[in-house]
């Protein structure tokens, strides 16, 4: 199986690829107090071998 095929299938119901729910992420982002037009990016490389 292609490396990302399983992930694509398993997470197809997610808006973004994260084990966190959308509501949990929304609560976290509320606490950051971003200024207008500021953005957040979370870069994750998966398992480290």
PDB file of N, CA and C in Angstrom:
ATOM      1  N   UNK A   1       0.843  -1.181   0.000  1.00  0.00           N
ATOM      2  CA  UNK A   1       0.000   0.000   0.000  1.00  0.00           C
ATOM      3  C   UNK A   1       0.890   1.248   0.000  1.00  0.00           C
ATOM      4  N   UNK A   2       0.474   2.267  -0.724  1.00  0.00           N
ATOM      5  CA  UNK A   2       1.215   3.521  -0.742  1.00  0.00           C
ATOM      6  C   UNK A   2       1.248   4.120   0.666  1.00  0.00           C
ATOM      7  N   UNK A   3       2.345   4.768   1.053  1.00  0.00           N
ATOM      8  CA  UNK A   3       2.505   5.259   2.419  1.00  0.00           C
ATOM      9  C   UNK A   3       1.359   6.145   2.917  1.00  0.00           C
ATOM     10  N   UNK A   4       0.834   7.016   2.095  1.00  0.00           N
ATOM     11  CA  UNK A   4      -0.187   7.952   2.567  1.00  0.00           C
ATOM     12  C   UNK A   4      -1.612   7.528   2.229  1.00  0.00           C
ATOM     13  N   UNK A   5      -1.756   6.413   1.534  1.00  0.00           N
ATOM     14  CA  UNK A   5      -3.096   5.971   1.146  1.00  0.00           C
ATOM     15  C   UNK A   5      -3.946   5.628   2.368  1.00  0.00           C
ATOM     16  N   UNK A   6      -3.376   4.913   3.329  1.00  0.00           N
ATOM     17  CA  UNK A   6      -4.125   4.559   4.531  1.00  0.00           C
ATOM     18  C   UNK A   6      -4.553   5.819   5.282  1.00  0.00           C
ATOM     19  N   UNK A   7      -3.629   6.755   5.454  1.00  0.00           N
ATOM     20  CA  UNK A   7      -3.943   8.002   6.160  1.00  0.00           C
ATOM     21  C   UNK A   7      -5.044   8.769   5.434  1.00  0.00           C
ATOM     22  N   UNK A   8      -4.963   8.828   4.127  1.00  0.00           N
ATOM     23  CA  UNK A   8      -5.980   9.532   3.349  1.00  0.00           C
ATOM     24  C   UNK A   8      -7.352   8.906   3.553  1.00  0.00           C
ATOM     25  N   UNK A   9      -7.411   7.599   3.553  1.00  0.00           N
ATOM     26  CA  UNK A   9      -8.680   6.901   3.758  1.00  0.00           C
ATOM     27  C   UNK A   9      -9.152   7.062   5.203  1.00  0.00           C
ATOM     28  N   UNK A  10      -8.267   6.845   6.145  1.00  0.00           N
ATOM     29  CA  UNK A  10      -8.636   6.874   7.560  1.00  0.00           C
ATOM     30  C   UNK A  10      -9.064   8.256   8.035  1.00  0.00           C
ATOM     31  N   UNK A  11      -8.526   9.295   7.434  1.00  0.00           N
ATOM     32  CA  UNK A  11      -8.831  10.657   7.880  1.00  0.00           C
ATOM     33  C   UNK A  11      -9.683  11.424   6.876  1.00  0.00           C
ATOM     34  N   UNK A  12     -10.376  10.730   6.000  1.00  0.00           N
ATOM     35  CA  UNK A  12     -11.141  11.403   4.949  1.00  0.00           C
ATOM     36  C   UNK A  12     -12.292  12.245   5.491  1.00  0.00           C
ATOM     37  N   UNK A  13     -12.736  11.963   6.725  1.00  0.00           N
ATOM     38  CA  UNK A  13     -13.830  12.736   7.311  1.00  0.00           C
ATOM     39  C   UNK A  13     -13.346  13.997   8.022  1.00  0.00           C
ATOM     40  N   UNK A  14     -12.054  14.223   8.054  1.00  0.00           N
ATOM     41  CA  UNK A  14     -11.488  15.379   8.760  1.00  0.00           C
ATOM     42  C   UNK A  14     -11.283  16.558   7.812  1.00  0.00           C
ATOM     43  N   UNK A  15     -11.514  17.756   8.346  1.00  0.00           N
ATOM     44  CA  UNK A  15     -11.267  18.971   7.574  1.00  0.00           C
ATOM     45  C   UNK A  15      -9.768  19.187   7.436  1.00  0.00           C
ATOM     46  N   UNK A  16      -9.028  18.826   8.490  1.00  0.00           N
ATOM     47  CA  UNK A  16      -7.571  18.889   8.459  1.00  0.00           C
ATOM     48  C   UNK A  16      -7.071  17.632   9.136  1.00  0.00           C
ATOM     49  N   UNK A  17      -5.877  17.238   8.840  1.00  0.00           N
ATOM     50  CA  UNK A  17      -5.332  15.987   9.349  1.00  0.00           C
ATOM     51  C   UNK A  17      -4.797  16.189  10.762  1.00  0.00           C
ATOM     52  N   UNK A  18      -5.597  15.843  11.738  1.00  0.00           N
ATOM     53  CA  UNK A  18      -5.230  16.020  13.142  1.00  0.00           C
ATOM     54  C   UNK A  18      -6.058  15.077  13.995  1.00  0.00           C
ATOM     55  N   UNK A  19      -5.486  14.569  15.067  1.00  0.00           N
ATOM     56  CA  UNK A  19      -6.281  13.746  15.974  1.00  0.00           C
ATOM     57  C   UNK A  19      -7.216  14.593  16.834  1.00  0.00           C
ATOM     58  N   UNK A  20      -7.048  15.925  16.816  1.00  0.00           N
ATOM     59  CA  UNK A  20      -7.896  16.830  17.580  1.00  0.00           C
ATOM     60  C   UNK A  20      -9.183  17.128  16.824  1.00  0.00           C
ATOM     61  N   UNK A  21     -10.258  17.345  17.562  1.00  0.00           N
ATOM     62  CA  UNK A  21     -11.513  17.718  16.925  1.00  0.00           C
ATOM     63  C   UNK A  21     -11.476  19.191  16.535  1.00  0.00           C
ATOM     64  N   UNK A  22     -12.368  19.576  15.637  1.00  0.00           N
ATOM     65  CA  UNK A  22     -12.427  20.977  15.226  1.00  0.00           C
ATOM     66  C   UNK A  22     -12.750  21.885  16.415  1.00  0.00           C
ATOM     67  N   UNK A  23     -13.635  21.429  17.302  1.00  0.00           N
ATOM     68  CA  UNK A  23     -13.999  22.261  18.451  1.00  0.00           C
ATOM     69  C   UNK A  23     -12.820  22.439  19.404  1.00  0.00           C
ATOM     70  N   UNK A  24     -12.010  21.419  19.572  1.00  0.00           N
ATOM     71  CA  UNK A  24     -10.823  21.507  20.431  1.00  0.00           C
ATOM     72  C   UNK A  24      -9.814  22.513  19.847  1.00  0.00           C
ATOM     73  N   UNK A  25      -9.591  22.446  18.539  1.00  0.00           N
ATOM     74  CA  UNK A  25      -8.678  23.376  17.890  1.00  0.00           C
ATOM     75  C   UNK A  25      -9.223  24.806  18.010  1.00  0.00           C
ATOM     76  N   UNK A  26     -10.522  24.984  17.845  1.00  0.00           N
ATOM     77  CA  UNK A  26     -11.128  26.314  17.972  1.00  0.00           C
ATOM     78  C   UNK A  26     -10.887  26.883  19.372  1.00  0.00           C
ATOM     79  N   UNK A  27     -11.032  26.047  20.402  1.00  0.00           N
ATOM     80  CA  UNK A  27     -10.792  26.505  21.781  1.00  0.00           C
ATOM     81  C   UNK A  27      -9.332  26.891  21.985  1.00  0.00           C
ATOM     82  N   UNK A  28      -8.435  26.121  21.422  1.00  0.00           N
ATOM     83  CA  UNK A  28      -7.000  26.434  21.536  1.00  0.00           C
ATOM     84  C   UNK A  28      -6.701  27.766  20.851  1.00  0.00           C
ATOM     85  N   UNK A  29      -7.233  27.944  19.639  1.00  0.00           N
ATOM     86  CA  UNK A  29      -6.966  29.172  18.896  1.00  0.00           C
ATOM     87  C   UNK A  29      -7.558  30.401  19.577  1.00  0.00           C
ATOM     88  N   UNK A  30      -8.678  30.246  20.283  1.00  0.00           N
ATOM     89  CA  UNK A  30      -9.265  31.360  21.020  1.00  0.00           C
ATOM     90  C   UNK A  30      -8.305  31.867  22.097  1.00  0.00           C
ATOM     91  N   UNK A  31      -7.561  30.985  22.691  1.00  0.00           N
ATOM     92  CA  UNK A  31      -6.630  31.355  23.764  1.00  0.00           C
ATOM     93  C   UNK A  31      -5.372  32.053  23.250  1.00  0.00           C
ATOM     94  N   UNK A  32      -5.043  31.857  21.976  1.00  0.00           N
ATOM     95  CA  UNK A  32      -3.836  32.454  21.414  1.00  0.00           C
ATOM     96  C   UNK A  32      -3.993  33.960  21.216  1.00  0.00           C
ATOM     97  N   UNK A  33      -5.234  34.430  21.013  1.00  0.00           N
ATOM     98  CA  UNK A  33      -5.524  35.846  20.819  1.00  0.00           C
ATOM     99  C   UNK A  33      -4.760  36.422  19.616  1.00  0.00           C
ATOM    100  N   UNK A  34      -5.019  35.857  18.470  1.00  0.00           N
ATOM    101  CA  UNK A  34      -4.386  36.328  17.245  1.00  0.00           C
ATOM    102  C   UNK A  34      -4.919  37.706  16.861  1.00  0.00           C
ATOM    103  N   UNK A  35      -4.068  38.511  16.287  1.00  0.00           N
ATOM    104  CA  UNK A  35      -4.482  39.793  15.736  1.00  0.00           C
ATOM    105  C   UNK A  35      -5.139  39.545  14.382  1.00  0.00           C
ATOM    106  N   UNK A  36      -5.938  40.497  13.882  1.00  0.00           N
ATOM    107  CA  UNK A  36      -6.575  40.304  12.572  1.00  0.00           C
ATOM    108  C   UNK A  36      -5.537  39.955  11.495  1.00  0.00           C
ATOM    109  N   UNK A  37      -5.899  39.028  10.667  1.00  0.00           N
ATOM    110  CA  UNK A  37      -5.072  38.546   9.543  1.00  0.00           C
ATOM    111  C   UNK A  37      -3.858  37.731   9.969  1.00  0.00           C
ATOM    112  N   UNK A  38      -3.647  37.492  11.254  1.00  0.00           N
ATOM    113  CA  UNK A  38      -2.561  36.597  11.676  1.00  0.00           C
ATOM    114  C   UNK A  38      -3.012  35.161  11.462  1.00  0.00           C
ATOM    115  N   UNK A  39      -2.080  34.283  11.244  1.00  0.00           N
ATOM    116  CA  UNK A  39      -2.374  32.875  10.979  1.00  0.00           C
ATOM    117  C   UNK A  39      -1.509  31.989  11.869  1.00  0.00           C
ATOM    118  N   UNK A  40      -1.917  30.733  11.979  1.00  0.00           N
ATOM    119  CA  UNK A  40      -1.162  29.730  12.725  1.00  0.00           C
ATOM    120  C   UNK A  40      -0.910  28.564  11.790  1.00  0.00           C
ATOM    121  N   UNK A  41       0.303  28.051  11.814  1.00  0.00           N
ATOM    122  CA  UNK A  41       0.605  26.849  11.054  1.00  0.00           C
ATOM    123  C   UNK A  41       1.282  25.854  11.995  1.00  0.00           C
ATOM    124  N   UNK A  42       0.800  24.640  11.956  1.00  0.00           N
ATOM    125  CA  UNK A  42       1.382  23.567  12.758  1.00  0.00           C
ATOM    126  C   UNK A  42       1.945  22.557  11.770  1.00  0.00           C
ATOM    127  N   UNK A  43       3.243  22.416  11.749  1.00  0.00           N
ATOM    128  CA  UNK A  43       3.891  21.493  10.830  1.00  0.00           C
ATOM    129  C   UNK A  43       4.340  20.277  11.624  1.00  0.00           C
ATOM    130  N   UNK A  44       3.876  19.119  11.200  1.00  0.00           N
ATOM    131  CA  UNK A  44       4.198  17.874  11.882  1.00  0.00           C
ATOM    132  C   UNK A  44       4.699  16.891  10.844  1.00  0.00           C
ATOM    133  N   UNK A  45       5.754  16.211  11.169  1.00  0.00           N
ATOM    134  CA  UNK A  45       6.365  15.294  10.218  1.00  0.00           C
ATOM    135  C   UNK A  45       6.058  13.829  10.526  1.00  0.00           C
ATOM    136  N   UNK A  46       5.149  13.581  11.464  1.00  0.00           N
ATOM    137  CA  UNK A  46       4.779  12.211  11.766  1.00  0.00           C
ATOM    138  C   UNK A  46       5.819  11.519  12.639  1.00  0.00           C
ATOM    139  N   UNK A  47       5.849  10.216  12.552  1.00  0.00           N
ATOM    140  CA  UNK A  47       6.759   9.431  13.375  1.00  0.00           C
ATOM    141  C   UNK A  47       8.210   9.686  13.003  1.00  0.00           C
ATOM    142  N   UNK A  48       9.045   9.731  14.007  1.00  0.00           N
ATOM    143  CA  UNK A  48      10.483   9.880  13.780  1.00  0.00           C
ATOM    144  C   UNK A  48      11.115   8.535  14.052  1.00  0.00           C
ATOM    145  N   UNK A  49      11.904   8.067  13.135  1.00  0.00           N
ATOM    146  CA  UNK A  49      12.539   6.745  13.297  1.00  0.00           C
ATOM    147  C   UNK A  49      13.991   6.892  13.664  1.00  0.00           C
TER     148      UNK A  49
END
